[in-house]
PDB file of all heavy atoms in Angstrom:
ATOM      1  N   ARG A   1     126.757 121.575 117.859  1.00  0.00           N
ATOM      2  CA  ARG A   1     125.782 122.654 117.662  1.00  0.00           C
ATOM      3  C   ARG A   1     124.536 122.517 118.597  1.00  0.00           C
ATOM      4  O   ARG A   1     123.736 123.429 118.665  1.00  0.00           O
ATOM      5  CB  ARG A   1     125.252 122.618 116.186  1.00  0.00           C
ATOM      6  CG  ARG A   1     126.419 122.841 115.220  1.00  0.00           C
ATOM      7  CD  ARG A   1     125.929 122.646 113.816  1.00  0.00           C
ATOM      8  NE  ARG A   1     126.992 123.004 112.829  1.00  0.00           N
ATOM      9  CZ  ARG A   1     127.231 124.173 112.331  1.00  0.00           C
ATOM     10  NH1 ARG A   1     126.425 125.181 112.642  1.00  0.00           N
ATOM     11  NH2 ARG A   1     128.153 124.355 111.497  1.00  0.00           N
ATOM     12  N   ALA A   2     124.336 121.407 119.193  1.00  0.00           N
ATOM     13  CA  ALA A   2     123.175 121.246 120.016  1.00  0.00           C
ATOM     14  C   ALA A   2     123.435 120.228 121.098  1.00  0.00           C
ATOM     15  O   ALA A   2     124.433 119.466 121.063  1.00  0.00           O
ATOM     16  CB  ALA A   2     121.972 120.660 119.143  1.00  0.00           C
ATOM     17  N   SER A   3     122.618 120.247 122.154  1.00  0.00           N
ATOM     18  CA  SER A   3     122.853 119.296 123.262  1.00  0.00           C
ATOM     19  C   SER A   3     122.144 117.948 122.919  1.00  0.00           C
ATOM     20  O   SER A   3     121.429 117.855 122.032  1.00  0.00           O
ATOM     21  CB  SER A   3     122.250 119.895 124.519  1.00  0.00           C
ATOM     22  OG  SER A   3     120.843 120.150 124.325  1.00  0.00           O
ATOM     23  N   THR A   4     122.459 116.931 123.770  1.00  0.00           N
ATOM     24  CA  THR A   4     121.993 115.617 123.531  1.00  0.00           C
ATOM     25  C   THR A   4     120.492 115.526 123.645  1.00  0.00           C
ATOM     26  O   THR A   4     119.859 116.119 124.592  1.00  0.00           O
ATOM     27  CB  THR A   4     122.606 114.653 124.526  1.00  0.00           C
ATOM     28  OG1 THR A   4     124.043 114.679 124.344  1.00  0.00           O
ATOM     29  CG2 THR A   4     122.138 113.238 124.319  1.00  0.00           C
ATOM     30  N   THR A   5     119.848 114.815 122.767  1.00  0.00           N
ATOM     31  CA  THR A   5     118.434 114.581 122.777  1.00  0.00           C
ATOM     32  C   THR A   5     118.196 113.073 122.655  1.00  0.00           C
ATOM     33  O   THR A   5     118.820 112.388 121.926  1.00  0.00           O
ATOM     34  CB  THR A   5     117.650 115.232 121.619  1.00  0.00           C
ATOM     35  OG1 THR A   5     117.918 116.648 121.659  1.00  0.00           O
ATOM     36  CG2 THR A   5     116.184 115.003 121.660  1.00  0.00           C
ATOM     37  N   GLU A   6     117.295 112.480 123.481  1.00  0.00           N
ATOM     38  CA  GLU A   6     117.037 111.078 123.483  1.00  0.00           C
ATOM     39  C   GLU A   6     115.582 110.790 123.213  1.00  0.00           C
ATOM     40  O   GLU A   6     114.678 111.489 123.755  1.00  0.00           O
ATOM     41  CB  GLU A   6     117.459 110.417 124.768  1.00  0.00           C
ATOM     42  CG  GLU A   6     118.946 110.433 125.052  1.00  0.00           C
ATOM     43  CD  GLU A   6     119.311 109.610 126.257  1.00  0.00           C
ATOM     44  OE1 GLU A   6     118.620 108.675 126.540  1.00  0.00           O
ATOM     45  OE2 GLU A   6     120.281 110.022 126.911  1.00  0.00           O
ATOM     46  N   MET A   7     115.294 109.793 122.423  1.00  0.00           N
ATOM     47  CA  MET A   7     113.959 109.331 122.149  1.00  0.00           C
ATOM     48  C   MET A   7     114.063 107.799 122.231  1.00  0.00           C
ATOM     49  O   MET A   7     114.789 107.201 121.468  1.00  0.00           O
ATOM     50  CB  MET A   7     113.411 109.747 120.797  1.00  0.00           C
ATOM     51  CG  MET A   7     113.319 111.276 120.602  1.00  0.00           C
ATOM     52  SD  MET A   7     112.853 111.689 118.907  1.00  0.00           S
ATOM     53  CE  MET A   7     111.186 110.995 118.906  1.00  0.00           C
ATOM     54  N   ALA A   8     113.331 107.187 123.083  1.00  0.00           N
ATOM     55  CA  ALA A   8     113.420 105.700 123.229  1.00  0.00           C
ATOM     56  C   ALA A   8     112.160 105.065 123.327  1.00  0.00           C
ATOM     57  O   ALA A   8     111.144 105.552 123.912  1.00  0.00           O
ATOM     58  CB  ALA A   8     114.329 105.423 124.441  1.00  0.00           C
ATOM     59  N   GLY A   9     112.050 103.799 122.932  1.00  0.00           N
ATOM     60  CA  GLY A   9     110.875 102.970 123.051  1.00  0.00           C
ATOM     61  C   GLY A   9     111.212 101.600 122.502  1.00  0.00           C
ATOM     62  O   GLY A   9     112.261 101.376 122.060  1.00  0.00           O
ATOM     63  N   THR A  10     110.232 100.708 122.517  1.00  0.00           N
ATOM     64  CA  THR A  10     110.475  99.362 121.970  1.00  0.00           C
ATOM     65  C   THR A  10     109.292  98.982 121.142  1.00  0.00           C
ATOM     66  O   THR A  10     108.206  99.483 121.307  1.00  0.00           O
ATOM     67  CB  THR A  10     110.706  98.339 123.057  1.00  0.00           C
ATOM     68  OG1 THR A  10     109.505  98.335 123.912  1.00  0.00           O
ATOM     69  CG2 THR A  10     111.898  98.667 123.999  1.00  0.00           C
ATOM     70  N   THR A  11     109.579  98.067 120.232  1.00  0.00           N
ATOM     71  CA  THR A  11     108.484  97.539 119.396  1.00  0.00           C
ATOM     72  C   THR A  11     108.832  96.119 118.973  1.00  0.00           C
ATOM     73  O   THR A  11     110.034  95.817 118.787  1.00  0.00           O
ATOM     74  CB  THR A  11     108.208  98.442 118.205  1.00  0.00           C
ATOM     75  OG1 THR A  11     107.139  97.919 117.452  1.00  0.00           O
ATOM     76  CG2 THR A  11     109.450  98.489 117.287  1.00  0.00           C
ATOM     77  N   GLU A  12     107.875  95.268 118.728  1.00  0.00           N
ATOM     78  CA  GLU A  12     108.097  93.979 118.172  1.00  0.00           C
ATOM     79  C   GLU A  12     108.146  94.163 116.612  1.00  0.00           C
ATOM     80  O   GLU A  12     107.457  94.979 116.065  1.00  0.00           O
ATOM     81  CB  GLU A  12     106.935  93.024 118.537  1.00  0.00           C
ATOM     82  CG  GLU A  12     106.948  92.690 120.003  1.00  0.00           C
ATOM     83  CD  GLU A  12     108.227  91.941 120.462  1.00  0.00           C
ATOM     84  OE1 GLU A  12     108.710  91.134 119.664  1.00  0.00           O
ATOM     85  OE2 GLU A  12     108.627  92.198 121.615  1.00  0.00           O
ATOM     86  N   HIS A  13     108.879  93.263 115.988  1.00  0.00           N
ATOM     87  CA  HIS A  13     108.986  93.416 114.493  1.00  0.00           C
ATOM     88  C   HIS A  13     109.260  92.076 113.882  1.00  0.00           C
ATOM     89  O   HIS A  13     109.710  91.175 114.544  1.00  0.00           O
ATOM     90  CB  HIS A  13     110.024  94.423 114.142  1.00  0.00           C
ATOM     91  CG  HIS A  13     111.440  93.990 114.481  1.00  0.00           C
ATOM     92  ND1 HIS A  13     111.998  94.306 115.730  1.00  0.00           N
ATOM     93  CD2 HIS A  13     112.355  93.307 113.797  1.00  0.00           C
ATOM     94  CE1 HIS A  13     113.193  93.789 115.788  1.00  0.00           C
ATOM     95  NE2 HIS A  13     113.454  93.186 114.628  1.00  0.00           N
ATOM     96  N   SER A  14     108.942  91.945 112.626  1.00  0.00           N
ATOM     97  CA  SER A  14     109.359  90.732 111.831  1.00  0.00           C
ATOM     98  C   SER A  14     110.205  91.251 110.724  1.00  0.00           C
ATOM     99  O   SER A  14     110.101  92.404 110.248  1.00  0.00           O
ATOM    100  CB  SER A  14     108.076  90.047 111.262  1.00  0.00           C
ATOM    101  OG  SER A  14     107.390  90.978 110.455  1.00  0.00           O
ATOM    102  N   HIS A  15     111.106  90.384 110.249  1.00  0.00           N
ATOM    103  CA  HIS A  15     112.085  90.782 109.208  1.00  0.00           C
ATOM    104  C   HIS A  15     111.429  90.817 107.784  1.00  0.00           C
ATOM    105  O   HIS A  15     110.427  90.207 107.578  1.00  0.00           O
ATOM    106  CB  HIS A  15     113.253  89.829 109.179  1.00  0.00           C
ATOM    107  CG  HIS A  15     114.112  89.990 110.442  1.00  0.00           C
ATOM    108  ND1 HIS A  15     114.646  91.196 110.821  1.00  0.00           N
ATOM    109  CD2 HIS A  15     114.488  89.088 111.376  1.00  0.00           C
ATOM    110  CE1 HIS A  15     115.360  91.053 111.950  1.00  0.00           C
ATOM    111  NE2 HIS A  15     115.259  89.790 112.337  1.00  0.00           N
ATOM    112  N   VAL A  16     112.068  91.535 106.953  1.00  0.00           N
ATOM    113  CA  VAL A  16     111.674  91.635 105.553  1.00  0.00           C
ATOM    114  C   VAL A  16     111.617  90.231 104.900  1.00  0.00           C
ATOM    115  O   VAL A  16     112.465  89.404 105.189  1.00  0.00           O
ATOM    116  CB  VAL A  16     112.588  92.527 104.746  1.00  0.00           C
ATOM    117  CG1 VAL A  16     112.113  92.659 103.333  1.00  0.00           C
ATOM    118  CG2 VAL A  16     112.614  93.891 105.387  1.00  0.00           C
ATOM    119  N   THR A  17     110.646  89.995 104.139  1.00  0.00           N
ATOM    120  CA  THR A  17     110.466  88.697 103.408  1.00  0.00           C
ATOM    121  C   THR A  17     111.089  88.772 102.023  1.00  0.00           C
ATOM    122  O   THR A  17     111.320  89.805 101.501  1.00  0.00           O
ATOM    123  CB  THR A  17     109.010  88.256 103.338  1.00  0.00           C
ATOM    124  OG1 THR A  17     108.276  89.261 102.641  1.00  0.00           O
ATOM    125  CG2 THR A  17     108.413  88.065 104.736  1.00  0.00           C
ATOM    126  N   SER A  18     111.276  87.615 101.450  1.00  0.00           N
ATOM    127  CA  SER A  18     111.772  87.489 100.035  1.00  0.00           C
ATOM    128  C   SER A  18     113.098  88.142  99.804  1.00  0.00           C
ATOM    129  O   SER A  18     113.344  88.848  98.836  1.00  0.00           O
ATOM    130  CB  SER A  18     110.729  88.037  99.066  1.00  0.00           C
ATOM    131  OG  SER A  18     109.490  87.363  99.236  1.00  0.00           O
ATOM    132  N   VAL A  19     114.024  87.943 100.783  1.00  0.00           N
ATOM    133  CA  VAL A  19     115.376  88.437 100.636  1.00  0.00           C
ATOM    134  C   VAL A  19     116.350  87.382 101.051  1.00  0.00           C
ATOM    135  O   VAL A  19     116.000  86.373 101.644  1.00  0.00           O
ATOM    136  CB  VAL A  19     115.575  89.721 101.508  1.00  0.00           C
ATOM    137  CG1 VAL A  19     114.686  90.811 101.144  1.00  0.00           C
ATOM    138  CG2 VAL A  19     115.311  89.344 102.986  1.00  0.00           C
ATOM    139  N   PRO A  20     117.637  87.554 100.702  1.00  0.00           N
ATOM    140  CA  PRO A  20     118.649  86.556 101.149  1.00  0.00           C
ATOM    141  C   PRO A  20     118.672  86.515 102.669  1.00  0.00           C
ATOM    142  O   PRO A  20     118.484  87.537 103.340  1.00  0.00           O
ATOM    143  CB  PRO A  20     119.938  87.125 100.606  1.00  0.00           C
ATOM    144  CG  PRO A  20     119.572  88.056  99.493  1.00  0.00           C
ATOM    145  CD  PRO A  20     118.207  88.586  99.836  1.00  0.00           C
ATOM    146  N   THR A  21     118.816  85.340 103.244  1.00  0.00           N
ATOM    147  CA  THR A  21     118.793  85.177 104.702  1.00  0.00           C
ATOM    148  C   THR A  21     120.076  84.574 105.257  1.00  0.00           C
ATOM    149  O   THR A  21     120.381  84.657 106.386  1.00  0.00           O
ATOM    150  CB  THR A  21     117.626  84.274 105.092  1.00  0.00           C
ATOM    151  OG1 THR A  21     117.710  83.022 104.432  1.00  0.00           O
ATOM    152  CG2 THR A  21     116.315  84.905 104.734  1.00  0.00           C
ATOM    153  N   ALA A  22     120.914  83.966 104.401  1.00  0.00           N
ATOM    154  CA  ALA A  22     122.102  83.294 104.860  1.00  0.00           C
ATOM    155  C   ALA A  22     123.266  84.284 105.003  1.00  0.00           C
ATOM    156  O   ALA A  22     123.508  85.110 104.071  1.00  0.00           O
ATOM    157  CB  ALA A  22     122.571  82.175 103.898  1.00  0.00           C
ATOM    158  N   THR A  23     123.855  84.293 106.169  1.00  0.00           N
ATOM    159  CA  THR A  23     125.028  85.168 106.334  1.00  0.00           C
ATOM    160  C   THR A  23     126.259  84.237 106.599  1.00  0.00           C
ATOM    161  O   THR A  23     126.235  83.479 107.498  1.00  0.00           O
ATOM    162  CB  THR A  23     124.794  86.087 107.557  1.00  0.00           C
ATOM    163  OG1 THR A  23     123.707  86.891 107.340  1.00  0.00           O
ATOM    164  CG2 THR A  23     126.043  87.000 107.800  1.00  0.00           C
ATOM    165  N   VAL A  24     127.276  84.401 105.824  1.00  0.00           N
ATOM    166  CA  VAL A  24     128.452  83.610 105.869  1.00  0.00           C
ATOM    167  C   VAL A  24     129.628  84.466 106.330  1.00  0.00           C
ATOM    168  O   VAL A  24     129.576  85.695 106.200  1.00  0.00           O
ATOM    169  CB  VAL A  24     128.808  82.884 104.624  1.00  0.00           C
ATOM    170  CG1 VAL A  24     127.695  81.938 104.251  1.00  0.00           C
ATOM    171  CG2 VAL A  24     129.047  83.857 103.520  1.00  0.00           C
ATOM    172  N   ALA A  25     130.674  83.847 106.797  1.00  0.00           N
ATOM    173  CA  ALA A  25     131.851  84.579 107.278  1.00  0.00           C
ATOM    174  C   ALA A  25     132.550  85.201 106.150  1.00  0.00           C
ATOM    175  O   ALA A  25     132.535  84.768 104.992  1.00  0.00           O
ATOM    176  CB  ALA A  25     132.817  83.658 108.045  1.00  0.00           C
ATOM    177  N   PRO A  26     133.245  86.375 106.392  1.00  0.00           N
ATOM    178  CA  PRO A  26     134.007  87.041 105.377  1.00  0.00           C
ATOM    179  C   PRO A  26     135.001  86.034 104.769  1.00  0.00           C
ATOM    180  O   PRO A  26     135.557  85.194 105.434  1.00  0.00           O
ATOM    181  CB  PRO A  26     134.772  88.124 106.142  1.00  0.00           C
ATOM    182  CG  PRO A  26     133.862  88.427 107.303  1.00  0.00           C
ATOM    183  CD  PRO A  26     133.269  87.136 107.650  1.00  0.00           C
ATOM    184  N   SER A  27     135.263  86.164 103.476  1.00  0.00           N
ATOM    185  CA  SER A  27     136.028  85.116 102.787  1.00  0.00           C
ATOM    186  C   SER A  27     137.437  85.599 102.404  1.00  0.00           C
ATOM    187  O   SER A  27     137.931  85.251 101.318  1.00  0.00           O
ATOM    188  CB  SER A  27     135.315  84.734 101.527  1.00  0.00           C
ATOM    189  OG  SER A  27     134.964  85.862 100.708  1.00  0.00           O
ATOM    190  N   VAL A  28     138.058  86.364 103.260  1.00  0.00           N
ATOM    191  CA  VAL A  28     139.447  86.814 102.940  1.00  0.00           C
ATOM    192  C   VAL A  28     140.417  85.699 102.855  1.00  0.00           C
ATOM    193  O   VAL A  28     141.548  85.884 102.296  1.00  0.00           O
ATOM    194  CB  VAL A  28     139.918  87.875 103.993  1.00  0.00           C
ATOM    195  CG1 VAL A  28     139.107  89.125 103.937  1.00  0.00           C
ATOM    196  CG2 VAL A  28     139.863  87.213 105.382  1.00  0.00           C
TER     197      VAL A  28
END
């Protein structure tokens, strides 16, 4: 319905606190 539109930039960030942080492999 429309042509491509781009908006780009960069920013520094820190992750959310007080959340789970460990990522483990899928356990199939």
